[in-house]
C-alpha atoms as a PDB file:
ATOM      1  CA  MET A   1      12.074  31.619  89.371  1.00  0.00           C
ATOM      2  CA  SER A   2      14.426  30.588  87.390  1.00  0.00           C
ATOM      3  CA  THR A   3      15.735  32.637  83.500  1.00  0.00           C
ATOM      4  CA  SER A   4      16.990  30.462  81.000  1.00  0.00           C
ATOM      5  CA  THR A   5      17.455  31.912  77.226  1.00  0.00           C
ATOM      6  CA  PRO A   6      15.712  29.479  74.662  1.00  0.00           C
ATOM      7  CA  ASN A   7      18.224  26.957  72.962  1.00  0.00           C
ATOM      8  CA  LEU A   8      18.588  29.179  69.812  1.00  0.00           C
ATOM      9  CA  PRO A   9      19.487  27.332  66.801  1.00  0.00           C
ATOM     10  CA  VAL A  10      23.117  26.236  65.403  1.00  0.00           C
ATOM     11  CA  PRO A  11      23.243  27.605  62.644  1.00  0.00           C
ATOM     12  CA  VAL A  12      25.405  25.412  59.875  1.00  0.00           C
ATOM     13  CA  ARG A  13      28.569  25.892  57.755  1.00  0.00           C
ATOM     14  CA  ILE A  14      28.885  24.038  54.480  1.00  0.00           C
ATOM     15  CA  SER A  15      32.279  24.107  52.786  1.00  0.00           C
ATOM     16  CA  ALA A  16      32.396  24.868  48.636  1.00  0.00           C
ATOM     17  CA  GLY A  17      32.873  21.042  48.343  1.00  0.00           C
ATOM     18  CA  THR A  18      30.149  20.282  50.358  1.00  0.00           C
ATOM     19  CA  ALA A  19      27.771  23.232  47.882  1.00  0.00           C
ATOM     20  CA  ILE A  20      29.795  21.695  44.325  1.00  0.00           C
ATOM     21  CA  LYS A  21      28.286  18.209  46.165  1.00  0.00           C
ATOM     22  CA  ILE A  22      24.893  18.445  46.755  1.00  0.00           C
ATOM     23  CA  GLY A  23      25.021  21.276  42.960  1.00  0.00           C
ATOM     24  CA  PHE A  24      26.256  17.715  41.351  1.00  0.00           C
ATOM     25  CA  PHE A  25      24.550  15.221  43.048  1.00  0.00           C
ATOM     26  CA  GLY A  26      20.759  17.748  42.588  1.00  0.00           C
ATOM     27  CA  ALA A  27      21.577  18.281  38.723  1.00  0.00           C
ATOM     28  CA  PHE A  28      22.272  14.498  38.469  1.00  0.00           C
ATOM     29  CA  GLY A  29      18.694  13.352  39.865  1.00  0.00           C
ATOM     30  CA  ALA A  30      16.978  15.768  37.888  1.00  0.00           C
ATOM     31  CA  LEU A  31      18.549  14.079  35.184  1.00  0.00           C
ATOM     32  CA  LEU A  32      17.576  10.564  35.717  1.00  0.00           C
ATOM     33  CA  PHE A  33      13.892  12.017  36.603  1.00  0.00           C
ATOM     34  CA  SER A  34      13.363  13.570  33.529  1.00  0.00           C
ATOM     35  CA  LEU A  35      15.175  10.521  31.428  1.00  0.00           C
ATOM     36  CA  ILE A  36      13.086   7.490  33.607  1.00  0.00           C
ATOM     37  CA  LEU A  37       9.759   9.744  32.242  1.00  0.00           C
ATOM     38  CA  SER A  38      11.084  10.149  29.577  1.00  0.00           C
ATOM     39  CA  ILE A  39      11.825   6.501  28.359  1.00  0.00           C
ATOM     40  CA  ILE A  40       7.996   5.613  30.199  1.00  0.00           C
ATOM     41  CA  LEU A  41       6.558   8.286  28.682  1.00  0.00           C
ATOM     42  CA  GLY A  42       7.927   6.387  24.940  1.00  0.00           C
ATOM     43  CA  LEU A  43       7.078   2.918  25.824  1.00  0.00           C
ATOM     44  CA  ILE A  44       3.676   4.366  26.501  1.00  0.00           C
ATOM     45  CA  ALA A  45       3.426   6.603  23.014  1.00  0.00           C
ATOM     46  CA  LEU A  46       4.741   3.135  21.361  1.00  0.00           C
ATOM     47  CA  VAL A  47       2.044   1.105  23.377  1.00  0.00           C
ATOM     48  CA  LEU A  48      -0.484   3.363  21.635  1.00  0.00           C
ATOM     49  CA  ALA A  49       0.604   3.255  17.980  1.00  0.00           C
ATOM     50  CA  ALA A  50       0.863  -0.412  18.182  1.00  0.00           C
ATOM     51  CA  ALA A  51      -2.875  -0.151  18.937  1.00  0.00           C
ATOM     52  CA  GLY A  52      -3.468   2.303  16.283  1.00  0.00           C
ATOM     53  CA  ILE A  53      -4.971   4.970  18.367  1.00  0.00           C
ATOM     54  CA  SER A  54      -2.737   8.277  16.924  1.00  0.00           C
ATOM     55  CA  ILE A  55      -2.700  10.844  19.495  1.00  0.00           C
ATOM     56  CA  PHE A  56      -2.126  13.656  17.418  1.00  0.00           C
ATOM     57  CA  GLN A  57      -5.007  13.290  15.187  1.00  0.00           C
ATOM     58  CA  GLN A  58      -6.880  16.303  12.505  1.00  0.00           C
ATOM     59  CA  LEU A  59     -10.358  18.066  13.511  1.00  0.00           C
ATOM     60  CA  ARG A  60     -12.065  18.127   9.910  1.00  0.00           C
END
């Protein structure tokens, strides 16, 4: 019976430059996502307004 130690995961070393790049591209991706989502919602609002459907109707 052989005794072997399990392979432990090797820790990943991230330099400061890599961390800055990860943060920058993460924030850039979030910005693009919110911009695209805003454009899509704006187009939907324009189509609904052109069709005469009001989103903010007052209840009487």
